Each structure stands twice: as C-alpha cells, then as structure tokens.
N, C-alpha and C. Protein backbone atom coordinates (compact mmCIF):
# COMPACT_ATOMS: atom_id res chain seq x y z
N MET A 1 25.40 15.04 -51.36
CA MET A 1 24.92 14.71 -52.69
C MET A 1 24.62 13.24 -52.85
N ASN A 2 24.91 12.42 -51.90
CA ASN A 2 24.67 11.00 -52.05
C ASN A 2 23.26 10.58 -51.70
N THR A 3 22.45 11.50 -51.19
CA THR A 3 21.08 11.15 -50.85
C THR A 3 20.11 11.86 -51.77
N THR A 4 19.00 11.21 -52.04
CA THR A 4 17.96 11.83 -52.84
C THR A 4 16.66 11.78 -52.08
N THR A 5 15.85 12.79 -52.30
CA THR A 5 14.52 12.84 -51.72
C THR A 5 13.54 12.88 -52.87
N PRO A 6 12.25 12.68 -52.60
CA PRO A 6 11.28 12.76 -53.69
C PRO A 6 11.32 14.10 -54.42
N TYR A 7 11.84 15.13 -53.78
CA TYR A 7 11.86 16.46 -54.38
C TYR A 7 13.11 16.72 -55.21
N SER A 8 14.07 15.81 -55.21
CA SER A 8 15.32 16.06 -55.92
C SER A 8 15.53 15.10 -57.09
N LYS A 9 14.46 14.53 -57.62
CA LYS A 9 14.61 13.56 -58.70
C LYS A 9 14.59 14.18 -60.09
N ASN A 10 14.25 15.46 -60.19
CA ASN A 10 14.20 16.10 -61.50
C ASN A 10 15.27 17.16 -61.72
N LEU A 11 15.81 17.70 -60.64
CA LEU A 11 16.83 18.73 -60.76
C LEU A 11 17.98 18.47 -59.80
N LEU A 12 19.17 18.80 -60.27
CA LEU A 12 20.37 18.69 -59.45
C LEU A 12 21.10 20.02 -59.61
N ALA A 13 21.56 20.60 -58.52
CA ALA A 13 22.25 21.89 -58.56
C ALA A 13 23.73 21.70 -58.26
N LEU A 14 24.56 22.45 -59.00
CA LEU A 14 26.01 22.44 -58.79
C LEU A 14 26.49 23.88 -58.79
N ASN A 15 27.32 24.22 -57.82
CA ASN A 15 27.99 25.52 -57.82
C ASN A 15 29.28 25.33 -58.60
N LYS A 16 29.22 25.61 -59.92
CA LYS A 16 30.35 25.37 -60.80
C LYS A 16 31.49 26.36 -60.53
N PRO A 17 32.69 25.84 -60.26
CA PRO A 17 33.85 26.73 -60.14
C PRO A 17 34.44 27.05 -61.51
N LYS A 18 35.32 28.02 -61.57
CA LYS A 18 36.04 28.33 -62.80
C LYS A 18 36.92 27.14 -63.18
N GLY A 19 37.19 27.00 -64.47
CA GLY A 19 38.14 25.99 -64.92
C GLY A 19 37.53 24.66 -65.30
N TYR A 20 36.22 24.55 -65.35
CA TYR A 20 35.55 23.31 -65.73
C TYR A 20 34.66 23.57 -66.94
N VAL A 21 34.71 22.65 -67.91
CA VAL A 21 33.91 22.74 -69.11
C VAL A 21 32.56 22.08 -68.86
N VAL A 22 31.50 22.70 -69.37
CA VAL A 22 30.16 22.13 -69.21
C VAL A 22 29.89 21.22 -70.42
N THR A 23 30.35 19.98 -70.30
CA THR A 23 30.17 18.96 -71.33
C THR A 23 30.37 17.60 -70.69
N ARG A 24 29.87 16.56 -71.36
CA ARG A 24 30.03 15.21 -70.81
C ARG A 24 31.45 14.69 -70.99
N SER A 25 32.12 15.08 -72.08
CA SER A 25 33.53 14.72 -72.27
C SER A 25 34.16 15.81 -73.13
N ASP A 26 35.46 15.99 -72.97
CA ASP A 26 36.13 17.07 -73.68
C ASP A 26 37.28 16.50 -74.50
N GLU A 27 37.26 16.78 -75.81
CA GLU A 27 38.29 16.25 -76.72
C GLU A 27 39.67 16.84 -76.44
N LEU A 28 39.71 17.96 -75.70
CA LEU A 28 41.00 18.57 -75.35
C LEU A 28 41.52 18.09 -73.99
N GLY A 29 40.76 17.21 -73.33
CA GLY A 29 41.19 16.65 -72.06
C GLY A 29 41.03 17.57 -70.86
N ARG A 30 40.24 18.65 -71.03
CA ARG A 30 40.03 19.57 -69.90
C ARG A 30 39.07 18.94 -68.88
N LYS A 31 39.11 19.46 -67.67
CA LYS A 31 38.22 18.99 -66.62
C LYS A 31 36.78 19.37 -66.99
N THR A 32 35.85 18.45 -66.73
CA THR A 32 34.44 18.72 -67.00
C THR A 32 33.68 18.79 -65.68
N VAL A 33 32.48 19.35 -65.73
CA VAL A 33 31.67 19.45 -64.52
C VAL A 33 31.34 18.07 -63.96
N TYR A 34 31.36 17.05 -64.81
CA TYR A 34 31.08 15.69 -64.32
C TYR A 34 32.21 15.17 -63.42
N ASP A 35 33.39 15.75 -63.53
CA ASP A 35 34.49 15.39 -62.62
C ASP A 35 34.19 15.82 -61.19
N LEU A 36 33.28 16.77 -61.03
CA LEU A 36 32.92 17.28 -59.69
C LEU A 36 31.76 16.50 -59.06
N LEU A 37 31.11 15.66 -59.84
CA LEU A 37 29.87 15.01 -59.40
C LEU A 37 30.05 13.51 -59.21
N PRO A 38 29.16 12.90 -58.45
CA PRO A 38 29.23 11.43 -58.30
C PRO A 38 29.05 10.74 -59.66
N ASP A 39 29.60 9.55 -59.81
CA ASP A 39 29.53 8.81 -61.08
C ASP A 39 28.11 8.60 -61.57
N TRP A 40 27.15 8.42 -60.64
CA TRP A 40 25.77 8.14 -61.05
C TRP A 40 25.15 9.28 -61.84
N VAL A 41 25.64 10.50 -61.68
CA VAL A 41 25.10 11.64 -62.43
C VAL A 41 25.38 11.42 -63.92
N PHE A 42 26.58 10.96 -64.25
CA PHE A 42 26.94 10.69 -65.64
C PHE A 42 26.22 9.44 -66.15
N THR A 43 26.30 8.35 -65.40
CA THR A 43 25.74 7.09 -65.88
C THR A 43 24.22 7.09 -65.96
N ASP A 44 23.56 7.89 -65.12
CA ASP A 44 22.09 7.98 -65.16
C ASP A 44 21.59 9.01 -66.16
N GLY A 45 22.50 9.64 -66.91
CA GLY A 45 22.10 10.53 -67.99
C GLY A 45 21.67 11.93 -67.60
N TRP A 46 22.15 12.42 -66.47
CA TRP A 46 21.84 13.80 -66.09
C TRP A 46 22.55 14.74 -67.05
N MET A 47 21.80 15.71 -67.58
CA MET A 47 22.34 16.66 -68.55
C MET A 47 22.27 18.08 -67.99
N PRO A 48 23.27 18.91 -68.30
CA PRO A 48 23.23 20.29 -67.83
C PRO A 48 22.12 21.08 -68.53
N ILE A 49 21.52 21.98 -67.79
CA ILE A 49 20.53 22.89 -68.36
C ILE A 49 21.27 24.19 -68.64
N GLY A 50 21.57 24.44 -69.89
CA GLY A 50 22.33 25.63 -70.25
C GLY A 50 23.82 25.39 -70.09
N ARG A 51 24.56 26.49 -70.13
CA ARG A 51 26.01 26.41 -70.09
C ARG A 51 26.58 27.57 -69.28
N LEU A 52 27.76 27.37 -68.77
CA LEU A 52 28.58 28.44 -68.22
C LEU A 52 29.94 28.31 -68.89
N ASP A 53 30.52 29.41 -69.29
CA ASP A 53 31.82 29.39 -69.94
C ASP A 53 32.88 28.78 -69.02
N LEU A 54 33.99 28.35 -69.60
CA LEU A 54 35.08 27.72 -68.87
C LEU A 54 35.51 28.55 -67.67
N GLU A 55 35.65 29.85 -67.84
CA GLU A 55 36.12 30.71 -66.75
C GLU A 55 34.99 31.37 -65.96
N SER A 56 33.76 30.88 -66.16
CA SER A 56 32.62 31.37 -65.38
C SER A 56 32.37 30.45 -64.21
N LYS A 57 31.80 31.01 -63.15
CA LYS A 57 31.42 30.20 -62.00
C LYS A 57 29.98 30.56 -61.64
N GLY A 58 29.28 29.62 -61.00
CA GLY A 58 27.92 29.90 -60.58
C GLY A 58 27.03 28.68 -60.63
N LEU A 59 25.74 28.93 -60.46
CA LEU A 59 24.75 27.87 -60.40
C LEU A 59 24.58 27.21 -61.76
N LEU A 60 24.68 25.88 -61.78
CA LEU A 60 24.42 25.09 -62.96
C LEU A 60 23.45 23.99 -62.56
N LEU A 61 22.34 23.90 -63.28
CA LEU A 61 21.34 22.89 -63.00
C LEU A 61 21.48 21.72 -63.97
N PHE A 62 21.15 20.52 -63.49
CA PHE A 62 21.15 19.30 -64.30
C PHE A 62 19.78 18.66 -64.19
N THR A 63 19.37 17.93 -65.23
CA THR A 63 18.11 17.21 -65.19
C THR A 63 18.19 15.97 -66.07
N THR A 64 17.30 15.04 -65.83
CA THR A 64 17.11 13.90 -66.73
C THR A 64 15.80 14.08 -67.48
N ASN A 65 15.10 15.17 -67.20
CA ASN A 65 13.79 15.44 -67.79
C ASN A 65 13.93 16.52 -68.87
N GLY A 66 13.84 16.11 -70.13
CA GLY A 66 14.02 17.04 -71.24
C GLY A 66 13.01 18.18 -71.25
N LYS A 67 11.79 17.93 -70.77
CA LYS A 67 10.78 19.00 -70.74
C LYS A 67 11.19 20.12 -69.79
N ILE A 68 11.78 19.75 -68.66
CA ILE A 68 12.26 20.77 -67.71
C ILE A 68 13.39 21.56 -68.34
N GLY A 69 14.34 20.87 -68.96
CA GLY A 69 15.46 21.54 -69.61
C GLY A 69 14.98 22.50 -70.69
N ASP A 70 14.04 22.06 -71.53
CA ASP A 70 13.51 22.92 -72.59
C ASP A 70 12.82 24.14 -72.01
N ALA A 71 12.01 23.93 -70.97
CA ALA A 71 11.27 25.05 -70.37
C ALA A 71 12.21 26.10 -69.79
N LEU A 72 13.32 25.66 -69.22
CA LEU A 72 14.24 26.60 -68.60
C LEU A 72 15.20 27.27 -69.58
N THR A 73 15.38 26.69 -70.77
CA THR A 73 16.32 27.28 -71.73
C THR A 73 15.63 28.00 -72.87
N LYS A 74 14.35 27.82 -73.05
CA LYS A 74 13.63 28.50 -74.12
C LYS A 74 13.63 30.01 -73.85
N PRO A 75 14.06 30.81 -74.84
CA PRO A 75 14.10 32.26 -74.63
C PRO A 75 12.76 32.80 -74.13
N GLY A 76 12.86 33.67 -73.11
CA GLY A 76 11.67 34.28 -72.54
C GLY A 76 11.04 33.50 -71.40
N ASN A 77 11.44 32.24 -71.23
CA ASN A 77 10.84 31.42 -70.17
C ASN A 77 11.54 31.55 -68.82
N CYS A 78 12.78 32.00 -68.83
CA CYS A 78 13.55 32.01 -67.59
C CYS A 78 14.48 33.22 -67.59
N ILE A 79 14.38 34.03 -66.56
CA ILE A 79 15.23 35.20 -66.41
C ILE A 79 16.56 34.75 -65.80
N LYS A 80 17.66 35.21 -66.37
CA LYS A 80 18.99 34.87 -65.87
C LYS A 80 19.67 36.15 -65.38
N VAL A 81 20.30 36.06 -64.22
CA VAL A 81 20.98 37.21 -63.64
C VAL A 81 22.46 36.86 -63.49
N TYR A 82 23.31 37.70 -64.06
CA TYR A 82 24.75 37.50 -64.00
C TYR A 82 25.40 38.68 -63.29
N GLU A 83 26.40 38.39 -62.48
CA GLU A 83 27.28 39.42 -61.96
C GLU A 83 28.62 39.18 -62.63
N ILE A 84 29.08 40.18 -63.38
CA ILE A 84 30.30 40.00 -64.16
C ILE A 84 31.26 41.15 -63.94
N TRP A 85 32.55 40.86 -64.10
CA TRP A 85 33.59 41.88 -64.10
C TRP A 85 33.99 42.08 -65.55
N VAL A 86 34.08 43.32 -65.99
CA VAL A 86 34.57 43.63 -67.33
C VAL A 86 35.77 44.57 -67.21
N ARG A 87 36.69 44.46 -68.17
CA ARG A 87 37.86 45.34 -68.17
C ARG A 87 37.44 46.75 -68.52
N GLY A 88 38.04 47.71 -67.85
CA GLY A 88 37.81 49.11 -68.15
C GLY A 88 36.67 49.70 -67.36
N TYR A 89 36.45 50.99 -67.59
CA TYR A 89 35.38 51.71 -66.91
C TYR A 89 34.14 51.69 -67.79
N VAL A 90 33.03 51.24 -67.27
CA VAL A 90 31.77 51.18 -68.01
C VAL A 90 31.00 52.48 -67.78
N THR A 91 30.69 53.16 -68.87
CA THR A 91 29.97 54.42 -68.79
C THR A 91 28.46 54.19 -68.93
N ASP A 92 27.69 55.23 -68.67
CA ASP A 92 26.25 55.16 -68.88
C ASP A 92 25.93 54.91 -70.35
N GLU A 93 26.77 55.42 -71.25
CA GLU A 93 26.58 55.18 -72.68
C GLU A 93 26.74 53.70 -73.02
N HIS A 94 27.73 53.04 -72.42
CA HIS A 94 27.91 51.60 -72.62
C HIS A 94 26.66 50.85 -72.18
N ILE A 95 26.14 51.23 -71.03
CA ILE A 95 24.94 50.56 -70.50
C ILE A 95 23.75 50.80 -71.42
N ALA A 96 23.60 52.01 -71.93
CA ALA A 96 22.50 52.32 -72.86
C ALA A 96 22.62 51.48 -74.12
N GLU A 97 23.85 51.28 -74.63
CA GLU A 97 24.06 50.43 -75.80
C GLU A 97 23.63 49.00 -75.52
N ALA A 98 23.99 48.48 -74.37
CA ALA A 98 23.62 47.11 -74.00
C ALA A 98 22.11 46.96 -73.92
N MET A 99 21.44 47.98 -73.46
CA MET A 99 19.98 47.93 -73.34
C MET A 99 19.30 47.96 -74.72
N LYS A 100 19.91 48.65 -75.68
CA LYS A 100 19.36 48.71 -77.05
C LYS A 100 19.66 47.42 -77.80
N GLY A 101 20.77 46.81 -77.49
CA GLY A 101 21.19 45.59 -78.17
C GLY A 101 22.51 45.78 -78.86
N VAL A 102 23.35 44.76 -78.82
CA VAL A 102 24.68 44.79 -79.41
C VAL A 102 24.79 43.61 -80.35
N GLN A 103 25.21 43.86 -81.59
CA GLN A 103 25.38 42.80 -82.58
C GLN A 103 26.64 42.00 -82.26
N SER A 104 26.56 40.68 -82.30
CA SER A 104 27.70 39.80 -82.01
C SER A 104 27.64 38.60 -82.96
N PRO A 105 28.67 37.76 -82.97
CA PRO A 105 28.62 36.54 -83.81
C PRO A 105 27.43 35.63 -83.46
N GLN A 106 26.92 35.73 -82.23
CA GLN A 106 25.77 34.91 -81.82
C GLN A 106 24.44 35.57 -82.16
N GLY A 107 24.46 36.74 -82.76
CA GLY A 107 23.23 37.47 -83.06
C GLY A 107 23.12 38.70 -82.18
N LEU A 108 21.93 39.26 -82.11
CA LEU A 108 21.70 40.46 -81.30
C LEU A 108 21.65 40.08 -79.83
N LEU A 109 22.52 40.71 -79.03
CA LEU A 109 22.53 40.50 -77.58
C LEU A 109 21.83 41.70 -76.96
N LYS A 110 20.78 41.44 -76.21
CA LYS A 110 20.01 42.53 -75.62
C LYS A 110 19.72 42.22 -74.16
N ALA A 111 20.11 43.14 -73.29
CA ALA A 111 19.88 42.97 -71.85
C ALA A 111 18.52 43.53 -71.47
N LEU A 112 17.91 42.92 -70.48
CA LEU A 112 16.68 43.46 -69.90
C LEU A 112 17.03 44.55 -68.90
N GLU A 113 18.18 44.36 -68.26
CA GLU A 113 18.63 45.30 -67.22
C GLU A 113 20.14 45.21 -67.09
N VAL A 114 20.80 46.34 -66.93
CA VAL A 114 22.24 46.39 -66.65
C VAL A 114 22.45 47.41 -65.54
N GLU A 115 23.12 46.98 -64.49
CA GLU A 115 23.36 47.87 -63.35
C GLU A 115 24.83 47.82 -62.98
N LYS A 116 25.43 48.98 -62.83
CA LYS A 116 26.82 49.07 -62.39
C LYS A 116 26.83 48.86 -60.87
N ILE A 117 27.56 47.86 -60.42
CA ILE A 117 27.60 47.53 -58.99
C ILE A 117 28.79 48.20 -58.31
N SER A 118 29.97 48.08 -58.96
CA SER A 118 31.17 48.67 -58.36
C SER A 118 32.27 48.80 -59.40
N VAL A 119 33.30 49.54 -59.03
CA VAL A 119 34.48 49.72 -59.86
C VAL A 119 35.68 49.37 -58.99
N GLY A 120 36.58 48.56 -59.53
CA GLY A 120 37.78 48.19 -58.78
C GLY A 120 38.98 48.18 -59.68
N GLY A 121 39.86 49.12 -59.50
CA GLY A 121 41.04 49.21 -60.35
C GLY A 121 40.62 49.47 -61.78
N ALA A 122 41.05 48.60 -62.68
CA ALA A 122 40.73 48.77 -64.10
C ALA A 122 39.55 47.90 -64.52
N LYS A 123 38.68 47.56 -63.58
CA LYS A 123 37.53 46.71 -63.89
C LYS A 123 36.25 47.33 -63.35
N THR A 124 35.13 46.94 -63.96
CA THR A 124 33.81 47.36 -63.51
C THR A 124 32.97 46.12 -63.28
N LYS A 125 32.27 46.05 -62.15
CA LYS A 125 31.39 44.93 -61.87
C LYS A 125 29.97 45.34 -62.22
N LEU A 126 29.30 44.46 -63.01
CA LEU A 126 27.94 44.72 -63.47
C LEU A 126 27.00 43.61 -63.07
N ARG A 127 25.75 43.96 -62.95
CA ARG A 127 24.65 42.99 -62.81
C ARG A 127 23.88 43.07 -64.11
N VAL A 128 23.85 41.94 -64.86
CA VAL A 128 23.20 41.89 -66.16
C VAL A 128 22.05 40.89 -66.08
N VAL A 129 20.86 41.32 -66.51
CA VAL A 129 19.68 40.47 -66.51
C VAL A 129 19.28 40.21 -67.96
N ILE A 130 19.13 38.93 -68.31
CA ILE A 130 18.75 38.54 -69.67
C ILE A 130 17.66 37.48 -69.61
N ASP A 131 17.00 37.26 -70.75
CA ASP A 131 16.01 36.19 -70.81
C ASP A 131 16.34 35.19 -71.92
N GLU A 132 17.59 35.19 -72.36
CA GLU A 132 18.05 34.23 -73.35
C GLU A 132 19.44 33.80 -72.98
N GLY A 133 19.93 32.75 -73.61
CA GLY A 133 21.28 32.29 -73.33
C GLY A 133 22.05 32.09 -74.61
N LYS A 134 23.17 32.74 -74.72
CA LYS A 134 24.06 32.58 -75.86
C LYS A 134 25.47 32.52 -75.33
N ILE A 135 26.33 31.79 -76.03
CA ILE A 135 27.71 31.62 -75.58
C ILE A 135 28.40 32.97 -75.44
N GLY A 136 29.00 33.21 -74.28
CA GLY A 136 29.74 34.44 -74.05
C GLY A 136 28.87 35.68 -73.93
N ILE A 137 27.57 35.49 -73.68
CA ILE A 137 26.64 36.61 -73.70
C ILE A 137 26.98 37.68 -72.69
N SER A 138 27.43 37.31 -71.51
CA SER A 138 27.65 38.31 -70.48
C SER A 138 28.75 39.29 -70.86
N ALA A 139 29.85 38.80 -71.39
CA ALA A 139 30.93 39.70 -71.79
C ALA A 139 30.62 40.38 -73.12
N GLY A 140 29.86 39.73 -73.97
CA GLY A 140 29.55 40.28 -75.29
C GLY A 140 28.76 41.57 -75.28
N PHE A 141 28.01 41.83 -74.23
CA PHE A 141 27.21 43.03 -74.17
C PHE A 141 28.04 44.29 -74.29
N LEU A 142 29.21 44.26 -73.74
CA LEU A 142 30.02 45.47 -73.71
C LEU A 142 31.23 45.35 -74.62
N GLY A 143 31.20 44.36 -75.53
CA GLY A 143 32.29 44.22 -76.48
C GLY A 143 33.61 43.90 -75.84
N ARG A 144 33.59 43.16 -74.73
CA ARG A 144 34.82 42.87 -73.99
C ARG A 144 35.06 41.38 -73.91
C-alpha cells in the first residue's frame, strides 16, 4: 500500500475486517478503518465510498474524487452483492417477501436477487443483490 501508480490515484481498496467502524473518528473510541491504513490516507482526505456495518467485513473503496463517490453510491448506478448469514431457516416465502420489498426504518428495502447458498446449524447463508445502500440493509431484508 505504500506505492501508487497512475491507475491508483482515484480509488483505494480495503478488505475491511469485522470490528472496525467506517468513519474518520469515533466518539465512542472504537477502532476505525483509518486505523488499518497508512496515515496519508487520512491526511490526504480519502473518504470511504459507502459503508459497512461494524460487524460486516468485505470490500470498502475510498476516493478523494467526489464525483466517483457519488456515481458509485447513487441508487441504481452500482450493483452490490452481499453474502450474509442470518439466524434461522430461510424459506422460499421469506425470499419472495424480500423480492417484493420489506418496510424498515430506512424505508422500503427491495432486493434484485436473493439466493439461498447454504444452511449451517441454526443459520442460513444468502447471496443478496441490491442497487441501493441503506444502513443494515442486508439483515433488514429478512427482519433479522
């Protein structure tokens, strides 16, 4: 991460682990994604594109270019694919509900695609495809 090429001046990728908040500073003193990155990312004004919840892990992009950030976060401009574990057994009826849309505090959550990948113990692993981003959207689809 200490080297840059002409192709890496607009986007920076981080594989965010669980337990880190996606913010520049946290009033509760929790670890932030900037703790994982070189100091120049913070001082040069790199901002995250979107968010991942505290206990979520996965690809997180950063940019200093607001137009790129807007293009990637505007609903309908970018398809997002999540693999999530939910408590309990997910039925075909649950999946049909998610496809129709589920009302939540963030508004109507509607998946483009939901696929059951596996079942393990008391959990079900799903692949959820969306074209918008809302806090807690992946778990919100199934009311979990």
